[in-house]
Amino acid sequence: MKRVRLDPKHLENVIKSTIEAVEKGHEETFRIAEHAKKECERLEKDIKEIKIKIAETIKSVDRLEKMEKNSRYQLMIVSKDFEKYSEEDIKAAYERSREIQIMLTLEREREKQLREKRDEMERNLKNMQEILKKAERVSLQMGVALNFLKGNLQDLSEKLTDINQKQLFAGKIIKVQEEERKAIAREIHDGPAQSIANLLLQLEVLEKICEEDPDTVKKELKDLKKLVKNTLGEIRKIIFNLRPSALDALGIEAVAGRYCAEFQEDTGISVDFVVLGERVKLDSTVEITLFRVIQEALSNVKKHARAKNVRVKLEFLPHMVNLVIEDDGVGFNIEKLDEREGEHFGLVNIRERVDLLNGTVRIRSEPGRGTNIYITIPLR
């Protein structure tokens, strides 16, 4: 293999992008923990309120039970003494007793439903508390890792002089990042996603049971159901962005196609995804690099390009894979790219990811004429 000298500045850029990626993951985990904390506080407040309603309902049931007992006694008295009480009196006593019984039945059913709702909310609170613990633990671990990276990676450029060692170490860093994302994805999938899916099923059952209840209760359940569906959709989207599980099973073309379709639906920007050549199973490192590049490129289109159309072309060849991303946006002056590195950090990130696989990146852009990115990655 041909040896190539690596500019220390390039390694510093790799270190910088690695630290920023870990910082981003740390921030996302922190936001998850904050959301879980707020949700716990909300559930605790709602449980407290529903307990007050249960106590009030219990008092109402007790009062109606006494009234029902008295009404039955009164009905028994008027029914025995026909001389003293008229038929109208007996009928009035009977109607009064029946009315009280109906009210008592409704209050008992309301008490039952409130208790079931309280129990369900307490189970949700317990699940959310578990999510909070896990998120705080992961956030702490990532904070420790971040301190280690900031404290130790600065000296690597002096120690790693051979290009193979540097590429191997960079590959290990990326692998650690992806394993960490897998772990977070598994925890979110096994925790909140499963809990919310079960909650949806239980809410549908409750909705059927509560059809005879006041409209306000039914509306509250429907609103809660809609909220849970939205939350579930957001969590699944986070899981997919962290580490698409279908990448290992279906390959880059299927997952990238799905991501492009979702990007088009979310942004309204038309995305034409094309696959050319004979499809082959790529190494997992190549697949995740291609997926991250597509993510980064489409993110740049959304943030900066103001484009209406994007074309993503994935081409499989015997010894290489090509990726082309074209947009009809505002473009930029390619000669000033290095001067505006902060603004185009996404492009720098793409270059670094592709460089780690000995690939090449060519960028063509002009103001008002869109941007084209051509990527080639050799296959071993």
Protein backbone atom coordinates (compact mmCIF):
# COMPACT_ATOMS: atom_id res chain seq x y z
CA MET A 1 0.00 0.00 0.00
CA LYS A 2 1.25 3.44 -0.89
CA ARG A 3 2.14 5.55 2.12
CA VAL A 4 0.94 9.14 2.20
CA ARG A 5 2.02 11.84 4.63
CA LEU A 6 -0.92 13.31 6.50
CA ASP A 7 -0.99 17.02 7.25
CA PRO A 8 -1.28 17.52 11.06
CA LYS A 9 -3.93 20.16 10.38
CA HIS A 10 -6.04 17.49 8.70
CA LEU A 11 -5.80 15.28 11.77
CA GLU A 12 -6.76 18.25 13.93
CA ASN A 13 -9.85 18.69 11.76
CA VAL A 14 -10.71 15.00 12.27
CA ILE A 15 -10.26 15.42 16.02
CA LYS A 16 -12.40 18.57 15.99
CA SER A 17 -15.21 16.90 14.03
CA THR A 18 -15.09 13.87 16.35
CA ILE A 19 -15.37 16.03 19.46
CA GLU A 20 -18.21 18.04 17.94
CA ALA A 21 -20.04 14.82 17.00
CA VAL A 22 -19.74 13.54 20.58
CA GLU A 23 -20.84 16.94 21.91
CA LYS A 24 -23.89 16.83 19.64
CA GLY A 25 -24.77 13.35 20.92
CA HIS A 26 -24.27 14.56 24.48
CA GLU A 27 -26.61 17.50 23.88
CA GLU A 28 -29.26 15.23 22.32
CA THR A 29 -29.09 12.85 25.28
CA PHE A 30 -29.38 15.80 27.66
CA ARG A 31 -32.48 17.03 25.82
CA ILE A 32 -34.02 13.57 26.11
CA ALA A 33 -33.34 13.62 29.86
CA GLU A 34 -34.87 17.10 30.19
CA HIS A 35 -37.96 16.01 28.27
CA ALA A 36 -38.31 12.93 30.49
CA LYS A 37 -37.93 15.08 33.60
CA LYS A 38 -40.66 17.49 32.48
CA GLU A 39 -42.90 14.57 31.58
CA CYS A 40 -42.39 13.08 35.07
CA GLU A 41 -43.33 16.40 36.66
CA ARG A 42 -46.44 16.64 34.48
CA LEU A 43 -47.51 13.10 35.31
CA GLU A 44 -46.97 13.68 39.02
CA LYS A 45 -49.16 16.78 38.84
CA ASP A 46 -51.87 14.95 36.88
CA ILE A 47 -51.81 12.02 39.33
CA LYS A 48 -52.25 14.41 42.24
CA GLU A 49 -55.25 16.05 40.54
CA ILE A 50 -56.89 12.75 39.67
CA LYS A 51 -56.48 11.54 43.25
CA ILE A 52 -58.42 14.58 44.40
CA LYS A 53 -61.17 13.71 41.90
CA ILE A 54 -61.22 10.12 43.16
CA ALA A 55 -61.61 11.31 46.76
CA GLU A 56 -64.50 13.57 45.75
CA THR A 57 -66.14 10.74 43.83
CA ILE A 58 -65.81 8.39 46.79
CA LYS A 59 -67.61 10.93 48.99
CA SER A 60 -70.33 11.26 46.36
CA VAL A 61 -70.72 7.47 46.17
CA ASP A 62 -70.98 7.20 49.95
CA ARG A 63 -73.62 9.94 50.03
CA LEU A 64 -75.64 8.31 47.23
CA GLU A 65 -75.42 4.90 48.90
CA LYS A 66 -77.02 6.36 52.04
CA MET A 67 -79.69 8.08 49.97
CA GLU A 68 -80.33 4.87 48.04
CA LYS A 69 -80.70 2.92 51.26
CA ASN A 70 -83.16 5.51 52.65
CA SER A 71 -85.15 5.55 49.40
CA ARG A 72 -85.53 1.77 49.44
CA TYR A 73 -86.70 1.95 53.05
CA GLN A 74 -89.19 4.68 52.19
CA LEU A 75 -90.43 2.66 49.20
CA MET A 76 -90.93 -0.34 51.43
CA ILE A 77 -92.99 1.74 53.90
CA VAL A 78 -95.33 3.27 51.32
CA SER A 79 -95.75 -0.05 49.57
CA LYS A 80 -97.02 -1.74 52.75
CA ASP A 81 -99.43 0.94 53.88
CA PHE A 82 -101.94 1.38 51.02
CA GLU A 83 -104.47 3.13 53.28
CA LYS A 84 -102.11 5.89 54.32
CA TYR A 85 -100.29 6.41 50.96
CA SER A 86 -101.88 6.85 47.58
CA GLU A 87 -100.81 5.30 44.31
CA GLU A 88 -99.15 8.59 43.34
CA ASP A 89 -97.08 8.47 46.55
CA ILE A 90 -95.94 4.93 45.78
CA LYS A 91 -95.06 5.89 42.21
CA ALA A 92 -93.12 8.97 43.36
CA ALA A 93 -91.18 6.89 45.91
CA TYR A 94 -90.38 4.32 43.24
CA GLU A 95 -89.20 6.99 40.76
CA ARG A 96 -87.08 8.63 43.43
CA SER A 97 -85.45 5.30 44.31
CA ARG A 98 -84.77 4.52 40.65
CA GLU A 99 -83.28 7.96 40.05
CA ILE A 100 -80.91 7.58 42.98
CA GLN A 101 -79.86 4.11 41.82
CA ILE A 102 -78.99 5.47 38.36
CA MET A 103 -76.95 8.30 39.86
CA LEU A 104 -75.18 5.81 42.14
CA THR A 105 -74.36 3.51 39.21
CA LEU A 106 -72.90 6.42 37.23
CA GLU A 107 -70.80 7.61 40.15
CA ARG A 108 -69.46 4.10 40.78
CA GLU A 109 -68.51 3.77 37.11
CA ARG A 110 -66.83 7.18 37.23
CA GLU A 111 -64.87 6.10 40.32
CA LYS A 112 -63.77 2.90 38.53
CA GLN A 113 -62.62 4.81 35.45
CA LEU A 114 -60.74 7.37 37.52
CA ARG A 115 -58.96 4.62 39.42
CA GLU A 116 -58.00 2.87 36.17
CA LYS A 117 -56.73 6.14 34.73
CA ARG A 118 -54.73 6.82 37.90
CA ASP A 119 -53.17 3.33 37.77
CA GLU A 120 -52.24 3.82 34.11
CA MET A 121 -50.69 7.20 34.79
CA GLU A 122 -48.68 5.75 37.67
CA ARG A 123 -47.34 3.02 35.36
CA ASN A 124 -46.42 5.69 32.78
CA LEU A 125 -44.68 7.69 35.49
CA LYS A 126 -42.66 4.65 36.52
CA ASN A 127 -41.60 4.01 32.90
CA MET A 128 -40.70 7.66 32.36
CA GLN A 129 -38.64 7.66 35.57
CA GLU A 130 -36.70 4.67 34.22
CA ILE A 131 -36.10 6.55 30.94
CA LEU A 132 -34.87 9.55 32.93
CA LYS A 133 -32.42 7.38 34.89
CA LYS A 134 -31.05 5.78 31.72
CA ALA A 135 -30.73 9.11 29.89
CA GLU A 136 -28.92 10.70 32.84
CA ARG A 137 -26.59 7.70 33.06
CA VAL A 138 -25.79 7.82 29.33
CA SER A 139 -25.32 11.60 29.51
CA LEU A 140 -22.86 11.18 32.38
CA GLN A 141 -20.92 8.51 30.50
CA MET A 142 -20.77 10.65 27.36
CA GLY A 143 -19.60 13.60 29.46
CA VAL A 144 -16.73 11.50 30.80
CA ALA A 145 -15.88 10.35 27.26
CA LEU A 146 -15.99 13.95 26.04
CA ASN A 147 -13.57 15.09 28.73
CA PHE A 148 -11.27 12.24 27.76
CA LEU A 149 -11.41 13.17 24.08
CA LYS A 150 -10.72 16.85 24.76
CA GLY A 151 -7.87 16.01 27.11
CA ASN A 152 -6.12 13.29 25.10
CA LEU A 153 -6.84 13.59 21.37
CA GLN A 154 -4.86 16.85 21.13
CA ASP A 155 -1.59 14.91 21.44
CA LEU A 156 -2.37 12.24 18.83
CA SER A 157 -0.85 14.09 15.88
CA GLU A 158 2.60 13.82 17.55
CA LYS A 159 2.28 10.09 18.29
CA LEU A 160 0.55 8.75 15.15
CA THR A 161 3.05 9.19 12.30
CA ASP A 162 2.04 6.28 10.09
CA ILE A 163 -1.03 6.80 7.90
CA ASN A 164 -2.30 3.26 8.51
CA GLN A 165 -2.25 3.77 12.26
CA LYS A 166 -4.07 7.06 11.91
CA GLN A 167 -6.77 5.64 9.66
CA LEU A 168 -7.19 2.62 11.95
CA PHE A 169 -7.61 4.86 14.98
CA ALA A 170 -10.05 7.17 13.16
CA GLY A 171 -12.04 4.11 12.08
CA LYS A 172 -12.19 2.94 15.69
CA ILE A 173 -13.46 6.36 16.78
CA ILE A 174 -16.25 6.20 14.18
CA LYS A 175 -17.05 2.63 15.25
CA VAL A 176 -17.30 3.74 18.90
CA GLN A 177 -19.59 6.59 17.87
CA GLU A 178 -21.87 4.23 15.96
CA GLU A 179 -21.93 1.66 18.78
CA GLU A 180 -22.90 4.41 21.19
CA ARG A 181 -25.71 5.49 18.86
CA LYS A 182 -26.85 1.88 18.59
CA ALA A 183 -26.99 1.63 22.38
CA ILE A 184 -29.03 4.83 22.68
CA ALA A 185 -31.34 3.67 19.89
CA ARG A 186 -31.90 0.32 21.65
CA GLU A 187 -32.65 2.01 24.95
CA ILE A 188 -35.15 4.40 23.42
CA HIS A 189 -36.75 1.58 21.39
CA ASP A 190 -37.04 -0.77 24.36
CA GLY A 191 -38.18 1.96 26.74
CA PRO A 192 -40.39 4.86 25.58
CA ALA A 193 -41.35 3.42 22.19
CA GLN A 194 -42.66 0.16 23.67
CA SER A 195 -44.35 1.91 26.58
CA ILE A 196 -46.11 4.41 24.37
CA ALA A 197 -47.19 1.69 21.92
CA ASN A 198 -48.75 -0.25 24.79
CA LEU A 199 -50.34 2.93 26.07
CA LEU A 200 -51.99 3.49 22.69
CA LEU A 201 -53.58 0.05 22.81
CA GLN A 202 -54.84 0.63 26.33
CA LEU A 203 -56.20 4.06 25.38
CA GLU A 204 -58.16 2.53 22.51
CA VAL A 205 -59.73 0.06 24.94
CA LEU A 206 -60.51 2.85 27.39
CA GLU A 207 -62.04 4.92 24.60
CA LYS A 208 -64.52 2.13 23.87
CA ILE A 209 -65.34 1.68 27.56
CA CYS A 210 -65.91 5.39 28.04
CA GLU A 211 -68.42 5.83 25.20
CA GLU A 212 -71.22 6.23 27.71
CA ASP A 213 -69.30 8.74 29.82
CA PRO A 214 -69.43 12.55 29.58
CA ASP A 215 -68.08 14.04 26.33
CA THR A 216 -65.35 15.91 28.15
CA VAL A 217 -63.75 12.65 29.31
CA LYS A 218 -63.83 11.21 25.80
CA LYS A 219 -62.31 14.37 24.33
CA GLU A 220 -59.53 14.29 26.89
CA LEU A 221 -58.71 10.71 25.94
CA LYS A 222 -58.65 11.54 22.23
CA ASP A 223 -56.32 14.48 22.81
CA LEU A 224 -54.02 12.29 24.88
CA LYS A 225 -54.04 9.62 22.20
CA LYS A 226 -53.04 12.17 19.55
CA LEU A 227 -50.22 13.46 21.76
CA VAL A 228 -48.87 9.96 22.34
CA LYS A 229 -48.96 9.18 18.60
CA ASN A 230 -46.96 12.31 17.83
CA THR A 231 -44.43 11.49 20.54
CA LEU A 232 -44.04 7.95 19.25
CA GLY A 233 -43.43 9.25 15.73
CA GLU A 234 -40.75 11.64 16.97
CA ILE A 235 -38.97 8.94 18.97
CA ARG A 236 -38.96 6.55 16.02
CA LYS A 237 -37.52 9.29 13.83
CA ILE A 238 -34.75 9.89 16.38
CA ILE A 239 -34.00 6.16 16.42
CA PHE A 240 -33.79 6.06 12.62
CA ASN A 241 -31.46 9.06 12.47
CA LEU A 242 -29.20 7.69 15.20
CA ARG A 243 -28.75 4.30 13.56
CA PRO A 244 -31.17 2.96 10.93
CA SER A 245 -31.64 -0.68 11.90
CA ALA A 246 -32.60 -1.56 8.32
CA LEU A 247 -29.13 -0.61 7.08
CA ASP A 248 -27.65 -3.97 8.07
CA ALA A 249 -30.60 -5.96 6.73
CA LEU A 250 -31.70 -4.07 3.58
CA GLY A 251 -28.61 -2.19 2.50
CA ILE A 252 -27.77 1.42 1.74
CA GLU A 253 -30.07 1.79 -1.31
CA ALA A 254 -33.26 0.90 0.61
CA VAL A 255 -32.45 3.02 3.67
CA ALA A 256 -31.20 5.99 1.67
CA GLY A 257 -34.32 5.84 -0.50
CA ARG A 258 -36.54 5.92 2.58
CA TYR A 259 -34.57 8.81 4.08
CA CYS A 260 -34.85 10.83 0.82
CA ALA A 261 -38.61 10.21 0.72
CA GLU A 262 -39.02 11.36 4.33
CA PHE A 263 -36.84 14.42 3.64
CA GLN A 264 -39.09 15.35 0.71
CA GLU A 265 -42.21 14.91 2.84
CA ASP A 266 -40.82 16.99 5.72
CA THR A 267 -39.33 19.86 3.69
CA GLY A 268 -41.35 19.96 0.46
CA ILE A 269 -38.08 19.81 -1.53
CA SER A 270 -38.38 17.31 -4.39
CA VAL A 271 -35.76 14.52 -4.10
CA ASP A 272 -35.08 12.15 -7.02
CA PHE A 273 -33.22 9.09 -5.69
CA VAL A 274 -31.64 6.89 -8.38
CA VAL A 275 -29.66 3.64 -8.06
CA LEU A 276 -27.48 2.47 -10.96
CA GLY A 277 -25.42 -0.66 -11.51
CA GLU A 278 -25.61 -4.13 -10.01
CA ARG A 279 -26.48 -3.89 -6.32
CA VAL A 280 -23.87 -5.40 -4.01
CA LYS A 281 -23.61 -5.77 -0.24
CA LEU A 282 -21.11 -3.18 0.94
CA ASP A 283 -18.94 -3.19 4.02
CA SER A 284 -20.81 -1.72 6.98
CA THR A 285 -18.25 1.12 7.28
CA VAL A 286 -18.83 2.12 3.64
CA GLU A 287 -22.62 1.94 4.02
CA ILE A 288 -22.74 4.08 7.16
CA THR A 289 -20.37 6.61 5.54
CA LEU A 290 -22.58 6.88 2.45
CA PHE A 291 -25.68 7.28 4.63
CA ARG A 292 -24.07 9.98 6.81
CA VAL A 293 -22.87 11.83 3.69
CA ILE A 294 -26.42 11.83 2.26
CA GLN A 295 -27.75 13.05 5.62
CA GLU A 296 -25.15 15.83 5.80
CA ALA A 297 -25.66 16.90 2.19
CA LEU A 298 -29.45 17.06 2.43
CA SER A 299 -29.12 18.93 5.73
CA ASN A 300 -26.98 21.53 3.93
CA VAL A 301 -29.60 21.78 1.18
CA LYS A 302 -32.29 22.41 3.76
CA LYS A 303 -30.26 25.01 5.71
CA HIS A 304 -28.45 26.94 2.98
CA ALA A 305 -29.34 26.01 -0.61
CA ARG A 306 -32.95 27.24 -0.88
CA ALA A 307 -33.35 24.57 -3.56
CA LYS A 308 -36.55 23.19 -5.04
CA ASN A 309 -35.12 19.97 -6.49
CA VAL A 310 -32.37 17.56 -5.45
CA ARG A 311 -31.03 14.52 -7.29
CA VAL A 312 -29.24 11.76 -5.34
CA LYS A 313 -27.57 9.14 -7.56
CA LEU A 314 -25.93 6.01 -6.12
CA GLU A 315 -23.89 3.99 -8.63
CA PHE A 316 -22.42 0.53 -7.97
CA LEU A 317 -19.31 -0.46 -9.98
CA PRO A 318 -17.11 -3.58 -9.65
CA HIS A 319 -14.34 -1.84 -7.71
CA MET A 320 -15.93 1.37 -6.47
CA VAL A 321 -19.17 3.08 -5.52
CA ASN A 322 -20.07 6.58 -6.69
CA LEU A 323 -22.44 9.02 -5.01
CA VAL A 324 -23.64 12.19 -6.72
CA ILE A 325 -25.80 14.84 -5.01
CA GLU A 326 -27.05 17.75 -7.13
CA ASP A 327 -29.34 20.64 -6.23
CA ASP A 328 -30.74 23.68 -8.06
CA GLY A 329 -30.22 26.04 -5.13
CA VAL A 330 -28.45 29.36 -4.78
CA GLY A 331 -24.95 27.83 -4.86
CA PHE A 332 -21.79 29.57 -3.61
CA ASN A 333 -18.31 30.63 -4.66
CA ILE A 334 -16.19 27.48 -4.42
CA GLU A 335 -12.96 29.54 -4.27
CA LYS A 336 -14.06 31.03 -0.94
CA LEU A 337 -14.95 27.69 0.61
CA ASP A 338 -11.87 27.58 2.86
CA GLU A 339 -12.49 31.16 4.03
CA ARG A 340 -16.07 30.28 5.05
CA GLU A 341 -15.33 26.90 6.62
CA GLY A 342 -17.62 27.58 9.57
CA GLU A 343 -20.58 28.09 7.27
CA HIS A 344 -19.72 25.00 5.19
CA PHE A 345 -18.68 22.73 8.03
CA GLY A 346 -21.04 20.07 6.66
CA LEU A 347 -18.92 19.87 3.48
CA VAL A 348 -15.76 19.61 5.56
CA ASN A 349 -17.36 16.80 7.53
CA ILE A 350 -18.21 15.00 4.27
CA ARG A 351 -14.61 15.30 3.05
CA GLU A 352 -13.24 13.89 6.30
CA ARG A 353 -15.59 10.90 6.32
CA VAL A 354 -14.75 10.04 2.70
CA ASP A 355 -11.00 10.58 3.23
CA LEU A 356 -11.02 7.94 5.96
CA LEU A 357 -12.04 5.37 3.31
CA ASN A 358 -9.40 6.62 0.78
CA GLY A 359 -12.22 8.12 -1.26
CA THR A 360 -12.37 11.37 -3.24
CA VAL A 361 -14.76 14.32 -3.07
CA ARG A 362 -15.27 16.88 -5.82
CA ILE A 363 -17.53 19.89 -5.29
CA ARG A 364 -18.79 22.14 -8.08
CA SER A 365 -20.86 25.22 -7.36
CA GLU A 366 -21.50 28.72 -8.65
CA PRO A 367 -23.70 31.46 -7.22
CA GLY A 368 -27.18 31.03 -8.63
CA ARG A 369 -26.39 27.70 -10.36
CA GLY A 370 -26.74 25.14 -7.59
CA THR A 371 -24.22 22.73 -6.07
CA ASN A 372 -22.95 19.32 -7.25
CA ILE A 373 -21.07 16.89 -5.00
CA TYR A 374 -19.27 13.91 -6.61
CA ILE A 375 -17.97 11.18 -4.29
CA THR A 376 -16.03 8.04 -5.18
CA ILE A 377 -15.15 5.34 -2.63
CA PRO A 378 -12.95 2.37 -3.65
CA LEU A 379 -14.13 -1.12 -2.68
CA ARG A 380 -11.71 -3.68 -1.26
